Amino acid sequence: MQNAIEVTDLKFSYGDLEIFTGLSLTVPRGKVVAILGSSGCGKSTLLKIIGGQLKPAAGTVKVAGTDVHQLSSEDLYRLRLEIGMMFQNAGLFTDINVFDNIAFPIRENFDTPEEVVRRVVLMKLHAVGLRGARDMMPNDLSGGMTRRVALARAIATDPKLMMYDEPFAGLDPISLNHIVTLIRQMNEALELTSVVVTYDVAEALKVADYVYVICDGVVLGKGTPKEVETSDNPYLKQFVNALPDGPVRFHFPGPPLEEDLRLTSPDQPEAR
């Protein structure tokens, strides 16, 4: 079976800040794969590279066997029609209602009769339990409802690959459970492949078939949820159990505190 995504020896930096130093992973077709990591480790950046928004310094990213960064603009646009994206901040258009938010990608990309658009939109909203909210404005929605509308919009064009950027952040327990259930149900009912990037270990382990944990630019651990939970890897143990002490650094890289504060020992000259 062909993998939906293949990332090989990926290298990427923001200026002098290295994000990936040789990242490699695969996402099997039809599975839910979670990519875990602490804030700032490059999870959202990875999704942008997969979608062709960012170009790596080295390495390859293949989606459905196609090297994303070798495509022409036209072919990349066509590939993106096969990818649904649920953004971290939902990304809804605030000046149009829920119905028109869901209808937007259909109207933008396809010459579809309005009656068909209406039926598709209502079916997508029904799938996330919000058919009755079609006339509401985004600013009137709760956080959980906003995420579900974003999910409905992401599946509006029937993509083959779904990518979720921190879908669990900031949700109350009930909304959180709804989103976890929807991701799993959508993947099975629509025969999707799903990539979930998050720092929420507990929910990721519930929803995923396979898990990657990334840190310091590479994959430091991988396996089924059970394998990750029971791993003896020091990084995985710290991350999965939220331990304060371990190999995961708390401070962003920078000069020593003494150097920044211009502190010196008595036998050293004062820094100026």
Protein backbone atom coordinates (compact mmCIF):
# COMPACT_ATOMS: atom_id res chain seq x y z
CA MET A 1 0.00 0.00 0.00
CA GLN A 2 1.40 3.41 -0.99
CA ASN A 3 2.08 5.80 1.87
CA ALA A 4 0.04 8.98 1.91
CA ILE A 5 3.07 11.02 3.06
CA GLU A 6 6.80 10.29 2.99
CA VAL A 7 9.21 12.74 4.61
CA THR A 8 12.90 11.91 4.09
CA ASP A 9 15.91 13.59 5.74
CA LEU A 10 14.11 16.94 6.00
CA LYS A 11 16.17 20.01 6.87
CA PHE A 12 14.71 23.45 7.47
CA SER A 13 15.69 26.62 9.31
CA TYR A 14 14.26 30.03 10.10
CA GLY A 15 17.43 32.04 9.57
CA ASP A 16 20.00 30.70 12.03
CA LEU A 17 17.39 28.79 14.02
CA GLU A 18 17.40 25.14 12.95
CA ILE A 19 13.97 23.50 13.06
CA PHE A 20 14.58 20.18 11.29
CA THR A 21 18.02 18.60 11.03
CA GLY A 22 17.18 15.32 9.31
CA LEU A 23 13.54 14.51 10.03
CA SER A 24 12.12 11.35 8.43
CA LEU A 25 8.66 9.83 8.85
CA THR A 26 5.89 8.14 6.88
CA VAL A 27 2.11 8.35 7.11
CA PRO A 28 0.35 5.18 5.89
CA ARG A 29 -2.77 5.64 3.80
CA GLY A 30 -6.03 5.35 5.73
CA LYS A 31 -4.50 5.83 9.19
CA VAL A 32 -4.63 8.56 11.83
CA VAL A 33 -1.07 9.58 12.65
CA ALA A 34 -0.30 11.93 15.54
CA ILE A 35 2.83 14.06 15.59
CA LEU A 36 3.65 15.12 19.14
CA GLY A 37 6.17 17.59 20.40
CA SER A 38 6.61 20.53 22.72
CA SER A 39 5.72 24.06 21.65
CA GLY A 40 8.21 25.45 19.14
CA CYS A 41 9.52 22.08 17.94
CA GLY A 42 8.23 22.63 14.40
CA LYS A 43 4.92 20.76 14.29
CA SER A 44 2.99 23.50 12.47
CA THR A 45 6.03 24.20 10.28
CA LEU A 46 5.97 20.55 9.18
CA LEU A 47 2.38 20.89 8.00
CA LYS A 48 3.29 23.99 6.00
CA ILE A 49 6.16 22.11 4.36
CA ILE A 50 3.88 19.17 3.52
CA GLY A 51 1.39 21.59 1.95
CA GLY A 52 4.08 23.36 -0.05
CA GLN A 53 3.82 26.70 1.76
CA LEU A 54 7.43 26.42 2.92
CA LYS A 55 10.34 24.89 1.05
CA PRO A 56 12.96 22.83 2.89
CA ALA A 57 16.71 23.43 2.61
CA ALA A 58 17.20 19.71 1.94
CA GLY A 59 15.30 16.44 1.92
CA THR A 60 12.09 15.42 0.20
CA VAL A 61 8.40 15.47 1.01
CA LYS A 62 6.12 13.25 -1.04
CA VAL A 63 2.33 13.30 -0.92
CA ALA A 64 0.67 10.35 -2.69
CA GLY A 65 4.03 9.59 -4.29
CA THR A 66 4.54 13.11 -5.67
CA ASP A 67 7.46 15.31 -4.60
CA VAL A 68 5.60 18.40 -3.37
CA HIS A 69 8.47 20.83 -3.90
CA GLN A 70 9.10 19.81 -7.50
CA LEU A 71 5.57 20.69 -8.62
CA SER A 72 4.62 23.69 -10.72
CA SER A 73 2.29 26.24 -9.12
CA GLU A 74 -0.63 24.82 -11.10
CA ASP A 75 0.08 21.24 -10.06
CA LEU A 76 0.63 22.26 -6.43
CA TYR A 77 -2.73 24.04 -6.42
CA ARG A 78 -4.35 20.89 -7.83
CA LEU A 79 -2.70 18.75 -5.14
CA ARG A 80 -3.96 21.06 -2.40
CA LEU A 81 -7.53 20.37 -3.50
CA GLU A 82 -6.92 16.84 -2.20
CA ILE A 83 -5.82 18.15 1.21
CA GLY A 84 -8.12 19.43 3.95
CA MET A 85 -6.66 21.69 6.64
CA MET A 86 -8.08 22.47 10.07
CA PHE A 87 -6.12 25.50 11.26
CA GLN A 88 -4.99 26.05 14.84
CA ASN A 89 -7.08 29.22 15.15
CA ALA A 90 -9.93 27.80 12.97
CA GLY A 91 -9.36 30.51 10.35
CA LEU A 92 -13.03 31.20 9.63
CA PHE A 93 -14.03 34.30 7.68
CA THR A 94 -15.58 36.51 10.35
CA ASP A 95 -17.70 38.65 8.02
CA ILE A 96 -19.74 35.81 6.50
CA ASN A 97 -21.98 33.28 8.21
CA VAL A 98 -21.34 29.60 8.91
CA PHE A 99 -23.10 28.42 5.75
CA ASP A 100 -21.02 30.66 3.48
CA ASN A 101 -17.81 29.68 5.26
CA ILE A 102 -18.44 26.03 4.38
CA ALA A 103 -19.60 26.91 0.86
CA PHE A 104 -16.54 29.08 0.14
CA PRO A 105 -14.06 26.36 -0.96
CA ILE A 106 -16.74 24.66 -3.07
CA ARG A 107 -17.71 27.87 -4.86
CA GLU A 108 -14.08 28.93 -5.22
CA ASN A 109 -12.84 25.71 -6.81
CA PHE A 110 -15.78 24.14 -8.62
CA ASP A 111 -18.54 25.22 -10.97
CA THR A 112 -21.31 23.72 -8.85
CA PRO A 113 -25.03 24.60 -9.00
CA GLU A 114 -26.18 26.43 -5.87
CA GLU A 115 -28.71 23.76 -4.98
CA VAL A 116 -25.92 21.17 -4.93
CA VAL A 117 -23.75 23.54 -2.88
CA ARG A 118 -26.60 23.91 -0.40
CA ARG A 119 -27.01 20.16 0.00
CA VAL A 120 -23.28 19.56 0.39
CA VAL A 121 -22.93 22.32 3.00
CA LEU A 122 -25.87 21.04 5.03
CA MET A 123 -24.51 17.48 4.92
CA LYS A 124 -21.08 18.62 6.10
CA LEU A 125 -22.62 20.67 8.91
CA HIS A 126 -24.86 17.76 9.87
CA ALA A 127 -21.78 15.53 10.10
CA VAL A 128 -20.32 17.81 12.80
CA GLY A 129 -23.65 18.37 14.53
CA LEU A 130 -24.11 22.02 13.53
CA ARG A 131 -26.70 22.03 10.74
CA GLY A 132 -28.87 24.26 12.93
CA ALA A 133 -26.09 26.85 13.25
CA ARG A 134 -25.81 27.54 9.52
CA ASP A 135 -27.02 31.17 9.78
CA MET A 136 -24.84 32.11 12.76
CA MET A 137 -21.80 34.33 12.47
CA PRO A 138 -18.38 32.99 13.54
CA ASN A 139 -18.04 35.53 16.36
CA ASP A 140 -21.25 34.18 17.92
CA LEU A 141 -19.93 30.60 18.15
CA SER A 142 -18.34 28.96 21.17
CA GLY A 143 -14.78 27.67 20.90
CA GLY A 144 -15.92 24.09 20.38
CA MET A 145 -18.48 25.09 17.76
CA THR A 146 -15.87 27.14 15.93
CA ARG A 147 -13.56 24.11 15.70
CA ARG A 148 -16.40 21.95 14.38
CA VAL A 149 -17.30 24.50 11.71
CA ALA A 150 -13.63 24.61 10.73
CA LEU A 151 -13.69 20.82 10.43
CA ALA A 152 -16.81 20.94 8.26
CA ARG A 153 -15.13 23.47 5.96
CA ALA A 154 -11.97 21.35 5.78
CA ILE A 155 -13.96 18.35 4.49
CA ALA A 156 -16.21 20.40 2.21
CA THR A 157 -14.32 19.40 -0.97
CA ASP A 158 -13.99 15.72 0.04
CA PRO A 159 -10.18 15.67 0.48
CA LYS A 160 -8.20 12.45 0.69
CA LEU A 161 -5.77 13.80 3.28
CA MET A 162 -6.71 15.77 6.39
CA MET A 163 -4.23 17.78 8.45
CA TYR A 164 -5.12 19.10 11.91
CA ASP A 165 -3.02 21.81 13.55
CA GLU A 166 -3.51 21.68 17.35
CA PRO A 167 -7.21 20.70 17.14
CA PHE A 168 -7.52 20.19 20.91
CA ALA A 169 -6.05 23.47 22.17
CA GLY A 170 -8.26 25.57 24.46
CA LEU A 171 -11.33 23.33 24.41
CA ASP A 172 -13.53 22.37 27.35
CA PRO A 173 -13.75 18.62 28.14
CA ILE A 174 -17.03 18.06 26.28
CA SER A 175 -15.95 19.92 23.14
CA LEU A 176 -12.61 18.16 23.31
CA ASN A 177 -14.27 14.76 23.36
CA HIS A 178 -16.49 15.79 20.41
CA ILE A 179 -13.47 16.75 18.31
CA VAL A 180 -11.56 13.55 19.15
CA THR A 181 -14.60 11.46 18.21
CA LEU A 182 -15.17 13.42 14.99
CA ILE A 183 -11.57 13.02 13.82
CA ARG A 184 -11.79 9.27 14.28
CA GLN A 185 -15.27 8.95 12.74
CA MET A 186 -14.46 11.17 9.77
CA ASN A 187 -11.31 9.21 9.01
CA GLU A 188 -13.22 5.94 8.91
CA ALA A 189 -16.45 7.11 7.27
CA LEU A 190 -14.76 9.16 4.52
CA GLU A 191 -11.76 6.81 4.11
CA LEU A 192 -9.32 9.61 4.85
CA THR A 193 -5.73 9.73 5.96
CA SER A 194 -5.28 12.09 8.90
CA VAL A 195 -2.27 13.87 10.39
CA VAL A 196 -2.83 15.40 13.83
CA VAL A 197 -0.11 17.66 15.23
CA THR A 198 -0.49 18.46 18.91
CA TYR A 199 1.17 18.71 22.30
CA ASP A 200 -1.88 17.11 23.96
CA VAL A 201 -0.56 13.64 24.72
CA ALA A 202 -3.68 12.11 26.25
CA GLU A 203 -6.02 13.00 23.39
CA ALA A 204 -3.49 12.14 20.70
CA LEU A 205 -3.01 8.67 22.13
CA LYS A 206 -6.79 8.18 22.11
CA VAL A 207 -7.28 9.09 18.46
CA ALA A 208 -4.11 7.89 16.72
CA ASP A 209 -3.14 4.60 15.11
CA TYR A 210 0.53 5.58 15.17
CA VAL A 211 2.52 8.28 16.93
CA TYR A 212 5.70 10.21 16.19
CA VAL A 213 7.38 12.39 18.82
CA ILE A 214 9.74 15.05 17.48
CA CYS A 215 12.33 17.18 19.24
CA ASP A 216 15.57 18.94 18.33
CA GLY A 217 14.84 18.61 14.62
CA VAL A 218 14.42 14.84 14.41
CA VAL A 219 12.08 12.00 15.40
CA LEU A 220 13.05 10.91 18.91
CA GLY A 221 10.36 8.30 19.35
CA LYS A 222 7.66 6.49 17.43
CA GLY A 223 5.24 3.61 17.71
CA THR A 224 1.67 2.67 18.50
CA PRO A 225 0.04 4.59 21.36
CA LYS A 226 0.73 1.67 23.70
CA GLU A 227 4.39 1.47 22.64
CA VAL A 228 4.85 5.19 23.22
CA GLU A 229 3.16 5.07 26.62
CA THR A 230 5.35 2.22 27.84
CA SER A 231 8.63 3.32 26.24
CA ASP A 232 11.82 3.57 28.33
CA ASN A 233 13.13 6.37 26.11
CA PRO A 234 13.96 9.26 28.53
CA TYR A 235 12.45 11.90 26.25
CA LEU A 236 9.24 9.93 25.70
CA LYS A 237 8.89 9.22 29.42
CA GLN A 238 9.26 12.90 30.23
CA PHE A 239 6.89 14.06 27.49
CA VAL A 240 4.16 11.43 27.97
CA ASN A 241 4.14 11.82 31.75
CA ALA A 242 4.64 15.62 31.78
CA LEU A 243 7.68 15.32 34.03
CA PRO A 244 9.45 18.60 34.90
CA ASP A 245 12.91 17.02 34.83
CA GLY A 246 14.40 15.30 31.81
CA PRO A 247 16.12 15.92 28.48
CA VAL A 248 13.51 18.38 27.19
CA ARG A 249 14.89 21.90 27.59
CA PHE A 250 12.71 24.63 29.09
CA HIS A 251 14.76 27.63 27.99
CA PHE A 252 14.92 28.78 24.38
CA PRO A 253 18.57 28.72 23.20
CA GLY A 254 20.45 31.87 24.20
CA PRO A 255 23.65 33.12 25.80
CA PRO A 256 24.37 32.32 29.47
CA LEU A 257 22.37 34.39 31.94
CA GLU A 258 25.57 35.80 33.47
CA GLU A 259 26.63 37.05 30.05
CA ASP A 260 23.27 38.66 29.32
CA LEU A 261 23.15 40.35 32.75
CA ARG A 262 26.82 41.32 32.48
CA LEU A 263 27.64 39.55 35.71
CA THR A 264 31.29 38.71 36.40
CA SER A 265 33.27 37.15 39.25
CA PRO A 266 35.38 39.46 41.45
CA ASP A 267 38.62 38.46 39.71
CA GLN A 268 37.26 39.21 36.26
CA PRO A 269 36.97 42.68 34.66
CA GLU A 270 33.45 44.09 34.43
CA ALA A 271 31.83 43.56 31.05
CA ARG A 272 30.84 46.70 29.20
